[in-house]
Amino acid sequence: MWIVKDKRFKTGATIPYILAALRIHRGADNIASPEMSERELRDLLIAMRDDLPAPDCIPIQHCSHIDAYVATWHPTQLQSRDAIRSPHHSDRALYHCGKIDDHEIHDFESLVGGLWSTHQDYILNGYSSRIKTVDLNGKPVRRWVAIDDSEREEIRRTLAHPKERTRSN
């Protein structure tokens, strides 16, 4: 879960960003089929739930700074968030904010469904980050963009030297 601890992110990384970073890590194409992409999302959430040693945990939460859902790292289990417990490790869980847009989250499947429903277009079209821009009326807005070459290099640097690039608390 190196990418959610990247100190460049104030509150965490978007789910599409993490999936794109994992594809870069594997040397895979940035865009995959809907079936493969949904499987990658499911596998990512399973890893977030089951593989991070306790007491560390990953909450999925809304980030008002970029107006998107992000995965972040937390050094202790959270009392203020709902938890989806690992079926394999009773001390591990994936935390969430209870609702992803209009999707109520009550178990692992509803979390996968909510995230897939709200992010599938971005994932399938290779969009992974949110940037601030202005609309035609000059109003500030956020829009999804693809990872560019400089961001690919940042991801590769994080992969090469994760301890130098991650938050410790």
N, C-alpha and C. Protein backbone atom coordinates (compact mmCIF):
# COMPACT_ATOMS: atom_id res chain seq x y z
N MET A 1 0.82 -1.19 0.00
CA MET A 1 0.00 0.00 0.00
C MET A 1 0.86 1.26 0.00
N TRP A 2 1.99 1.15 -0.65
CA TRP A 2 2.95 2.25 -0.73
C TRP A 2 2.35 3.53 -1.27
N ILE A 3 1.46 3.44 -2.23
CA ILE A 3 0.99 4.66 -2.90
C ILE A 3 0.07 5.49 -2.01
N VAL A 4 -0.71 4.88 -1.14
CA VAL A 4 -1.60 5.68 -0.29
C VAL A 4 -0.83 6.41 0.80
N LYS A 5 0.43 6.01 1.03
CA LYS A 5 1.26 6.70 2.01
C LYS A 5 2.19 7.72 1.37
N ASP A 6 2.10 7.91 0.06
CA ASP A 6 2.96 8.86 -0.64
C ASP A 6 2.76 10.25 -0.05
N LYS A 7 3.84 10.86 0.41
CA LYS A 7 3.73 12.14 1.09
C LYS A 7 3.34 13.30 0.17
N ARG A 8 3.30 13.06 -1.14
CA ARG A 8 2.83 14.11 -2.05
C ARG A 8 1.32 14.31 -1.93
N PHE A 9 0.61 13.32 -1.42
CA PHE A 9 -0.84 13.41 -1.31
C PHE A 9 -1.23 13.88 0.08
N LYS A 10 -2.05 14.91 0.12
CA LYS A 10 -2.48 15.46 1.40
C LYS A 10 -3.41 14.49 2.14
N THR A 11 -4.38 13.93 1.43
CA THR A 11 -5.35 13.06 2.11
C THR A 11 -5.44 11.66 1.52
N GLY A 12 -4.65 11.34 0.53
CA GLY A 12 -4.69 10.00 -0.05
C GLY A 12 -4.74 10.05 -1.56
N ALA A 13 -4.90 8.90 -2.17
CA ALA A 13 -4.92 8.77 -3.63
C ALA A 13 -6.29 8.26 -4.07
N THR A 14 -6.73 8.72 -5.23
CA THR A 14 -8.01 8.24 -5.76
C THR A 14 -7.87 6.77 -6.14
N ILE A 15 -8.98 6.07 -6.13
CA ILE A 15 -8.99 4.66 -6.53
C ILE A 15 -8.50 4.51 -7.98
N PRO A 16 -8.97 5.33 -8.93
CA PRO A 16 -8.43 5.20 -10.29
C PRO A 16 -6.92 5.43 -10.35
N TYR A 17 -6.40 6.34 -9.52
CA TYR A 17 -4.96 6.60 -9.50
C TYR A 17 -4.21 5.37 -9.00
N ILE A 18 -4.70 4.76 -7.94
CA ILE A 18 -4.03 3.58 -7.39
C ILE A 18 -4.02 2.45 -8.41
N LEU A 19 -5.16 2.24 -9.08
CA LEU A 19 -5.21 1.19 -10.11
C LEU A 19 -4.24 1.49 -11.24
N ALA A 20 -4.15 2.75 -11.67
CA ALA A 20 -3.20 3.12 -12.72
C ALA A 20 -1.77 2.91 -12.25
N ALA A 21 -1.47 3.25 -11.00
CA ALA A 21 -0.12 3.06 -10.46
C ALA A 21 0.24 1.57 -10.39
N LEU A 22 -0.72 0.75 -10.02
CA LEU A 22 -0.47 -0.70 -9.98
C LEU A 22 -0.21 -1.24 -11.39
N ARG A 23 -0.91 -0.70 -12.37
CA ARG A 23 -0.66 -1.12 -13.76
C ARG A 23 0.74 -0.70 -14.20
N ILE A 24 1.17 0.50 -13.83
CA ILE A 24 2.53 0.95 -14.14
C ILE A 24 3.53 0.02 -13.47
N HIS A 25 3.28 -0.32 -12.22
CA HIS A 25 4.15 -1.22 -11.46
C HIS A 25 4.30 -2.58 -12.16
N ARG A 26 3.21 -3.08 -12.70
CA ARG A 26 3.23 -4.38 -13.39
C ARG A 26 3.69 -4.28 -14.84
N GLY A 27 3.83 -3.06 -15.36
CA GLY A 27 4.18 -2.89 -16.76
C GLY A 27 3.02 -3.17 -17.69
N ALA A 28 1.80 -3.05 -17.17
CA ALA A 28 0.60 -3.34 -17.96
C ALA A 28 0.09 -2.07 -18.65
N ASP A 29 -0.83 -2.25 -19.58
CA ASP A 29 -1.46 -1.12 -20.25
C ASP A 29 -2.24 -0.29 -19.24
N ASN A 30 -2.35 1.01 -19.51
CA ASN A 30 -3.07 1.91 -18.62
C ASN A 30 -4.57 1.66 -18.65
N ILE A 31 -5.07 1.12 -19.75
CA ILE A 31 -6.51 0.88 -19.88
C ILE A 31 -6.74 -0.61 -20.09
N ALA A 32 -7.71 -1.16 -19.37
CA ALA A 32 -8.04 -2.58 -19.48
C ALA A 32 -9.54 -2.72 -19.73
N SER A 33 -9.97 -3.94 -20.00
CA SER A 33 -11.38 -4.22 -20.24
C SER A 33 -12.20 -3.94 -18.98
N PRO A 34 -13.51 -3.74 -19.13
CA PRO A 34 -14.35 -3.55 -17.95
C PRO A 34 -14.24 -4.71 -16.96
N GLU A 35 -14.23 -5.93 -17.46
CA GLU A 35 -14.15 -7.10 -16.57
C GLU A 35 -12.83 -7.11 -15.80
N MET A 36 -11.71 -6.89 -16.51
CA MET A 36 -10.41 -6.88 -15.86
C MET A 36 -10.30 -5.72 -14.88
N SER A 37 -10.80 -4.56 -15.26
CA SER A 37 -10.73 -3.39 -14.39
C SER A 37 -11.52 -3.58 -13.10
N GLU A 38 -12.72 -4.15 -13.22
CA GLU A 38 -13.52 -4.40 -12.02
C GLU A 38 -12.84 -5.45 -11.14
N ARG A 39 -12.21 -6.45 -11.75
CA ARG A 39 -11.46 -7.47 -10.99
C ARG A 39 -10.28 -6.83 -10.26
N GLU A 40 -9.59 -5.90 -10.94
CA GLU A 40 -8.47 -5.20 -10.30
C GLU A 40 -8.96 -4.38 -9.11
N LEU A 41 -10.11 -3.73 -9.26
CA LEU A 41 -10.68 -2.97 -8.15
C LEU A 41 -10.98 -3.90 -6.98
N ARG A 42 -11.62 -5.01 -7.26
CA ARG A 42 -11.96 -5.98 -6.21
C ARG A 42 -10.69 -6.49 -5.52
N ASP A 43 -9.68 -6.85 -6.31
CA ASP A 43 -8.42 -7.35 -5.74
C ASP A 43 -7.72 -6.28 -4.90
N LEU A 44 -7.77 -5.03 -5.37
CA LEU A 44 -7.18 -3.93 -4.62
C LEU A 44 -7.86 -3.78 -3.26
N LEU A 45 -9.18 -3.79 -3.24
CA LEU A 45 -9.91 -3.63 -1.98
C LEU A 45 -9.68 -4.82 -1.05
N ILE A 46 -9.57 -6.02 -1.60
CA ILE A 46 -9.24 -7.19 -0.78
C ILE A 46 -7.87 -7.00 -0.14
N ALA A 47 -6.90 -6.56 -0.93
CA ALA A 47 -5.56 -6.34 -0.40
C ALA A 47 -5.57 -5.25 0.68
N MET A 48 -6.32 -4.19 0.46
CA MET A 48 -6.41 -3.12 1.46
C MET A 48 -7.03 -3.63 2.75
N ARG A 49 -7.98 -4.52 2.63
CA ARG A 49 -8.66 -5.08 3.80
C ARG A 49 -7.83 -6.13 4.50
N ASP A 50 -7.20 -7.03 3.74
CA ASP A 50 -6.59 -8.23 4.32
C ASP A 50 -5.08 -8.16 4.52
N ASP A 51 -4.36 -7.37 3.72
CA ASP A 51 -2.91 -7.48 3.68
C ASP A 51 -2.15 -6.48 4.52
N LEU A 52 -2.78 -5.41 4.94
CA LEU A 52 -2.08 -4.39 5.72
C LEU A 52 -2.03 -4.83 7.18
N PRO A 53 -0.83 -5.01 7.74
CA PRO A 53 -0.74 -5.48 9.13
C PRO A 53 -1.38 -4.49 10.10
N ALA A 54 -2.16 -5.00 11.04
CA ALA A 54 -2.76 -4.18 12.08
C ALA A 54 -1.64 -3.64 12.96
N PRO A 55 -1.79 -2.46 13.53
CA PRO A 55 -3.00 -1.64 13.58
C PRO A 55 -3.18 -0.70 12.40
N ASP A 56 -2.22 -0.68 11.45
CA ASP A 56 -2.38 0.17 10.27
C ASP A 56 -3.68 -0.19 9.54
N CYS A 57 -4.27 0.80 8.89
CA CYS A 57 -5.49 0.53 8.14
C CYS A 57 -5.64 1.55 7.02
N ILE A 58 -6.55 1.25 6.12
CA ILE A 58 -6.84 2.14 5.01
C ILE A 58 -8.32 2.48 5.03
N PRO A 59 -8.64 3.75 5.24
CA PRO A 59 -10.02 4.19 5.08
C PRO A 59 -10.26 4.74 3.67
N ILE A 60 -11.43 4.46 3.14
CA ILE A 60 -11.91 5.07 1.90
C ILE A 60 -12.80 6.22 2.34
N GLN A 61 -12.47 7.43 1.92
CA GLN A 61 -13.20 8.59 2.39
C GLN A 61 -13.30 9.65 1.29
N HIS A 62 -14.23 10.55 1.47
CA HIS A 62 -14.37 11.65 0.51
C HIS A 62 -13.36 12.73 0.86
N CYS A 63 -12.66 13.21 -0.14
CA CYS A 63 -11.71 14.31 0.02
C CYS A 63 -12.34 15.57 -0.57
N SER A 64 -12.64 16.53 0.28
CA SER A 64 -13.27 17.76 -0.20
C SER A 64 -12.30 18.61 -1.02
N HIS A 65 -11.00 18.44 -0.80
CA HIS A 65 -10.00 19.22 -1.54
C HIS A 65 -10.07 18.94 -3.04
N ILE A 66 -10.25 17.67 -3.42
CA ILE A 66 -10.33 17.32 -4.84
C ILE A 66 -11.72 16.85 -5.25
N ASP A 67 -12.64 16.83 -4.30
CA ASP A 67 -14.02 16.38 -4.54
C ASP A 67 -14.04 14.99 -5.18
N ALA A 68 -13.39 14.06 -4.49
CA ALA A 68 -13.33 12.67 -4.97
C ALA A 68 -13.10 11.76 -3.77
N TYR A 69 -13.36 10.48 -3.97
CA TYR A 69 -13.09 9.49 -2.92
C TYR A 69 -11.64 9.05 -3.04
N VAL A 70 -10.99 8.96 -1.88
CA VAL A 70 -9.58 8.58 -1.83
C VAL A 70 -9.38 7.46 -0.83
N ALA A 71 -8.29 6.75 -1.02
CA ALA A 71 -7.82 5.78 -0.03
C ALA A 71 -6.63 6.42 0.65
N THR A 72 -6.64 6.38 1.95
CA THR A 72 -5.54 6.96 2.70
C THR A 72 -5.02 5.94 3.69
N TRP A 73 -3.95 6.25 4.35
CA TRP A 73 -3.35 5.34 5.33
C TRP A 73 -3.53 5.95 6.71
N HIS A 74 -3.80 5.09 7.68
CA HIS A 74 -3.94 5.54 9.06
C HIS A 74 -3.18 4.56 9.95
N PRO A 75 -2.43 5.06 10.95
CA PRO A 75 -1.58 4.18 11.76
C PRO A 75 -2.31 3.36 12.82
N THR A 76 -3.58 3.64 13.05
CA THR A 76 -4.34 2.89 14.05
C THR A 76 -5.75 2.61 13.52
N GLN A 77 -6.40 1.63 14.11
CA GLN A 77 -7.77 1.35 13.72
C GLN A 77 -8.66 2.54 14.07
N LEU A 78 -9.69 2.73 13.29
CA LEU A 78 -10.54 3.91 13.43
C LEU A 78 -11.85 3.57 14.13
N GLN A 79 -12.22 4.39 15.07
CA GLN A 79 -13.50 4.23 15.74
C GLN A 79 -14.59 5.05 15.06
N SER A 80 -14.18 6.06 14.29
CA SER A 80 -15.15 6.99 13.69
C SER A 80 -15.62 6.57 12.30
N ARG A 81 -15.19 5.43 11.82
CA ARG A 81 -15.56 4.96 10.48
C ARG A 81 -16.15 3.56 10.58
N ASP A 82 -16.98 3.22 9.60
CA ASP A 82 -17.50 1.86 9.50
C ASP A 82 -16.39 0.96 8.99
N ALA A 83 -16.38 -0.28 9.44
CA ALA A 83 -15.32 -1.22 9.07
C ALA A 83 -15.90 -2.45 8.38
N ILE A 84 -15.18 -2.89 7.36
CA ILE A 84 -15.46 -4.18 6.73
C ILE A 84 -14.31 -5.09 7.16
N ARG A 85 -14.59 -6.00 8.06
CA ARG A 85 -13.56 -6.86 8.65
C ARG A 85 -13.06 -7.91 7.66
N SER A 86 -11.79 -8.23 7.79
CA SER A 86 -11.21 -9.30 6.99
C SER A 86 -11.75 -10.63 7.47
N PRO A 87 -12.16 -11.51 6.56
CA PRO A 87 -12.61 -12.84 6.98
C PRO A 87 -11.44 -13.74 7.39
N HIS A 88 -10.21 -13.28 7.12
CA HIS A 88 -9.03 -14.10 7.39
C HIS A 88 -8.21 -13.62 8.58
N HIS A 89 -8.35 -12.34 8.94
CA HIS A 89 -7.58 -11.75 10.04
C HIS A 89 -8.52 -10.85 10.84
N SER A 90 -8.90 -11.27 12.02
CA SER A 90 -9.89 -10.53 12.80
C SER A 90 -9.42 -9.14 13.21
N ASP A 91 -8.11 -8.90 13.18
CA ASP A 91 -7.59 -7.59 13.59
C ASP A 91 -7.42 -6.63 12.41
N ARG A 92 -7.85 -7.02 11.22
CA ARG A 92 -7.68 -6.19 10.03
C ARG A 92 -9.04 -5.82 9.44
N ALA A 93 -9.08 -4.62 8.84
CA ALA A 93 -10.34 -4.16 8.26
C ALA A 93 -10.07 -3.08 7.22
N LEU A 94 -11.03 -2.89 6.36
CA LEU A 94 -11.04 -1.77 5.42
C LEU A 94 -12.14 -0.84 5.90
N TYR A 95 -11.80 0.41 6.09
CA TYR A 95 -12.75 1.38 6.64
C TYR A 95 -13.35 2.22 5.52
N HIS A 96 -14.56 2.68 5.74
CA HIS A 96 -15.25 3.48 4.73
C HIS A 96 -16.16 4.50 5.39
N CYS A 97 -16.68 5.40 4.58
CA CYS A 97 -17.46 6.53 5.08
C CYS A 97 -18.97 6.27 5.09
N GLY A 98 -19.39 5.03 4.80
CA GLY A 98 -20.81 4.69 4.89
C GLY A 98 -21.60 4.89 3.62
N LYS A 99 -21.12 5.78 2.75
CA LYS A 99 -21.85 6.08 1.53
C LYS A 99 -20.85 6.55 0.47
N ILE A 100 -20.99 6.04 -0.74
CA ILE A 100 -20.21 6.51 -1.89
C ILE A 100 -21.23 7.12 -2.84
N ASP A 101 -21.24 8.44 -2.92
CA ASP A 101 -22.28 9.17 -3.64
C ASP A 101 -23.65 8.68 -3.16
N ASP A 102 -24.47 8.10 -4.02
CA ASP A 102 -25.80 7.65 -3.61
C ASP A 102 -25.83 6.19 -3.17
N HIS A 103 -24.70 5.55 -3.08
CA HIS A 103 -24.62 4.12 -2.77
C HIS A 103 -24.34 3.89 -1.29
N GLU A 104 -25.30 3.29 -0.61
CA GLU A 104 -25.11 2.93 0.80
C GLU A 104 -24.12 1.77 0.87
N ILE A 105 -23.16 1.86 1.77
CA ILE A 105 -22.15 0.82 1.93
C ILE A 105 -22.46 0.07 3.22
N HIS A 106 -22.69 -1.24 3.09
CA HIS A 106 -22.98 -2.04 4.28
C HIS A 106 -22.15 -3.31 4.34
N ASP A 107 -21.43 -3.63 3.26
CA ASP A 107 -20.55 -4.80 3.25
C ASP A 107 -19.55 -4.65 2.11
N PHE A 108 -18.70 -5.65 1.96
CA PHE A 108 -17.65 -5.59 0.94
C PHE A 108 -18.23 -5.44 -0.47
N GLU A 109 -19.24 -6.22 -0.79
CA GLU A 109 -19.82 -6.17 -2.14
C GLU A 109 -20.43 -4.80 -2.45
N SER A 110 -21.08 -4.19 -1.47
CA SER A 110 -21.66 -2.87 -1.73
C SER A 110 -20.57 -1.80 -1.87
N LEU A 111 -19.42 -1.98 -1.20
CA LEU A 111 -18.30 -1.07 -1.38
C LEU A 111 -17.72 -1.20 -2.78
N VAL A 112 -17.50 -2.44 -3.22
CA VAL A 112 -17.02 -2.66 -4.59
C VAL A 112 -18.01 -2.05 -5.59
N GLY A 113 -19.29 -2.35 -5.41
CA GLY A 113 -20.31 -1.84 -6.32
C GLY A 113 -20.39 -0.32 -6.34
N GLY A 114 -20.33 0.30 -5.18
CA GLY A 114 -20.38 1.76 -5.10
C GLY A 114 -19.19 2.42 -5.76
N LEU A 115 -18.00 1.90 -5.48
CA LEU A 115 -16.79 2.47 -6.09
C LEU A 115 -16.76 2.22 -7.60
N TRP A 116 -17.15 1.01 -8.02
CA TRP A 116 -17.16 0.72 -9.45
C TRP A 116 -18.18 1.60 -10.17
N SER A 117 -19.36 1.74 -9.61
CA SER A 117 -20.41 2.54 -10.24
C SER A 117 -19.98 4.00 -10.41
N THR A 118 -19.32 4.55 -9.41
CA THR A 118 -18.94 5.97 -9.47
C THR A 118 -17.62 6.22 -10.19
N HIS A 119 -16.78 5.19 -10.35
CA HIS A 119 -15.46 5.40 -10.94
C HIS A 119 -15.22 4.66 -12.26
N GLN A 120 -16.14 3.80 -12.68
CA GLN A 120 -15.84 2.96 -13.85
C GLN A 120 -15.52 3.77 -15.11
N ASP A 121 -16.23 4.84 -15.37
CA ASP A 121 -15.94 5.62 -16.58
C ASP A 121 -14.53 6.20 -16.54
N TYR A 122 -14.11 6.67 -15.37
CA TYR A 122 -12.75 7.23 -15.25
C TYR A 122 -11.71 6.13 -15.41
N ILE A 123 -11.93 5.00 -14.77
CA ILE A 123 -10.99 3.88 -14.86
C ILE A 123 -10.89 3.38 -16.29
N LEU A 124 -12.03 3.18 -16.94
CA LEU A 124 -12.04 2.61 -18.29
C LEU A 124 -11.48 3.57 -19.34
N ASN A 125 -11.51 4.86 -19.06
CA ASN A 125 -10.98 5.84 -20.00
C ASN A 125 -9.58 6.33 -19.63
N GLY A 126 -8.98 5.73 -18.60
CA GLY A 126 -7.61 6.06 -18.23
C GLY A 126 -7.46 7.33 -17.42
N TYR A 127 -8.56 7.88 -16.90
CA TYR A 127 -8.47 9.06 -16.04
C TYR A 127 -8.21 8.61 -14.61
N SER A 128 -7.30 9.31 -13.94
CA SER A 128 -6.94 8.83 -12.61
C SER A 128 -6.71 9.92 -11.59
N SER A 129 -6.59 11.15 -12.00
CA SER A 129 -6.32 12.25 -11.08
C SER A 129 -7.32 13.37 -11.32
N ARG A 130 -7.48 14.20 -10.30
CA ARG A 130 -8.37 15.36 -10.41
C ARG A 130 -7.51 16.62 -10.35
N ILE A 131 -7.74 17.53 -11.28
CA ILE A 131 -7.02 18.79 -11.27
C ILE A 131 -8.01 19.94 -11.20
N LYS A 132 -7.52 21.06 -10.70
CA LYS A 132 -8.35 22.26 -10.62
C LYS A 132 -8.22 23.01 -11.94
N THR A 133 -9.34 23.44 -12.45
CA THR A 133 -9.39 24.23 -13.68
C THR A 133 -10.58 25.18 -13.56
N VAL A 134 -10.89 25.90 -14.60
CA VAL A 134 -12.05 26.79 -14.58
C VAL A 134 -12.97 26.43 -15.73
N ASP A 135 -14.27 26.60 -15.51
CA ASP A 135 -15.23 26.33 -16.58
C ASP A 135 -15.35 27.56 -17.49
N LEU A 136 -16.25 27.51 -18.44
CA LEU A 136 -16.41 28.60 -19.41
C LEU A 136 -16.84 29.92 -18.76
N ASN A 137 -17.44 29.84 -17.58
CA ASN A 137 -17.87 31.04 -16.87
C ASN A 137 -16.82 31.55 -15.89
N GLY A 138 -15.65 30.92 -15.88
CA GLY A 138 -14.59 31.33 -14.96
C GLY A 138 -14.72 30.75 -13.57
N LYS A 139 -15.66 29.84 -13.39
CA LYS A 139 -15.87 29.22 -12.07
C LYS A 139 -14.87 28.07 -11.89
N PRO A 140 -14.20 28.01 -10.71
CA PRO A 140 -13.27 26.90 -10.48
C PRO A 140 -14.00 25.56 -10.40
N VAL A 141 -13.48 24.57 -11.08
CA VAL A 141 -14.04 23.22 -11.07
C VAL A 141 -12.88 22.22 -11.04
N ARG A 142 -13.21 20.99 -10.71
CA ARG A 142 -12.24 19.89 -10.76
C ARG A 142 -12.62 18.99 -11.92
N ARG A 143 -11.62 18.48 -12.62
CA ARG A 143 -11.91 17.52 -13.69
C ARG A 143 -10.89 16.39 -13.64
N TRP A 144 -11.32 15.24 -14.13
CA TRP A 144 -10.47 14.05 -14.17
C TRP A 144 -9.52 14.14 -15.36
N VAL A 145 -8.27 13.73 -15.15
CA VAL A 145 -7.26 13.70 -16.21
C VAL A 145 -6.48 12.40 -16.11
N ALA A 146 -5.83 12.05 -17.21
CA ALA A 146 -4.98 10.85 -17.24
C ALA A 146 -3.62 11.17 -16.60
N ILE A 147 -2.95 10.13 -16.16
CA ILE A 147 -1.59 10.29 -15.65
C ILE A 147 -0.68 10.62 -16.83
N ASP A 148 0.10 11.68 -16.68
CA ASP A 148 1.03 12.06 -17.75
C ASP A 148 2.41 11.44 -17.48
N ASP A 149 3.35 11.70 -18.38
CA ASP A 149 4.68 11.09 -18.27
C ASP A 149 5.41 11.51 -16.99
N SER A 150 5.26 12.77 -16.58
CA SER A 150 5.95 13.20 -15.35
C SER A 150 5.37 12.49 -14.13
N GLU A 151 4.07 12.26 -14.12
CA GLU A 151 3.47 11.54 -12.99
C GLU A 151 3.87 10.07 -13.01
N ARG A 152 4.01 9.49 -14.20
CA ARG A 152 4.52 8.11 -14.30
C ARG A 152 5.90 8.01 -13.67
N GLU A 153 6.73 9.02 -13.90
CA GLU A 153 8.07 9.04 -13.30
C GLU A 153 7.99 9.16 -11.78
N GLU A 154 7.06 9.98 -11.29
CA GLU A 154 6.87 10.10 -9.84
C GLU A 154 6.47 8.75 -9.24
N ILE A 155 5.58 8.04 -9.92
CA ILE A 155 5.16 6.71 -9.45
C ILE A 155 6.35 5.76 -9.45
N ARG A 156 7.15 5.79 -10.50
CA ARG A 156 8.33 4.92 -10.57
C ARG A 156 9.33 5.25 -9.46
N ARG A 157 9.49 6.55 -9.14
CA ARG A 157 10.38 6.93 -8.03
C ARG A 157 9.85 6.39 -6.70
N THR A 158 8.55 6.49 -6.52
CA THR A 158 7.96 5.95 -5.29
C THR A 158 8.17 4.44 -5.22
N LEU A 159 8.02 3.75 -6.34
CA LEU A 159 8.26 2.30 -6.38
C LEU A 159 9.71 1.96 -6.08
N ALA A 160 10.63 2.76 -6.62
CA ALA A 160 12.05 2.49 -6.43
C ALA A 160 12.52 2.81 -5.02
N HIS A 161 11.94 3.81 -4.39
CA HIS A 161 12.38 4.25 -3.06
C HIS A 161 11.18 4.54 -2.16
N PRO A 162 10.37 3.53 -1.86
CA PRO A 162 9.13 3.79 -1.11
C PRO A 162 9.36 4.39 0.27
N LYS A 163 10.41 3.99 0.96
CA LYS A 163 10.62 4.51 2.32
C LYS A 163 10.95 6.00 2.32
N GLU A 164 11.60 6.47 1.28
CA GLU A 164 11.95 7.89 1.19
C GLU A 164 10.75 8.75 0.85
N ARG A 165 9.73 8.16 0.29
CA ARG A 165 8.63 8.95 -0.26
C ARG A 165 7.31 8.79 0.50
N THR A 166 7.32 8.07 1.60
CA THR A 166 6.06 7.83 2.30
C THR A 166 6.03 8.51 3.66
N ARG A 167 4.79 8.84 4.06
CA ARG A 167 4.57 9.43 5.38
C ARG A 167 4.78 8.36 6.45
N SER A 168 5.24 8.79 7.59
CA SER A 168 5.39 7.83 8.69
C SER A 168 4.28 7.97 9.71
N ASN A 169 3.54 9.05 9.69
CA ASN A 169 2.41 9.21 10.61
C ASN A 169 1.32 10.03 10.01
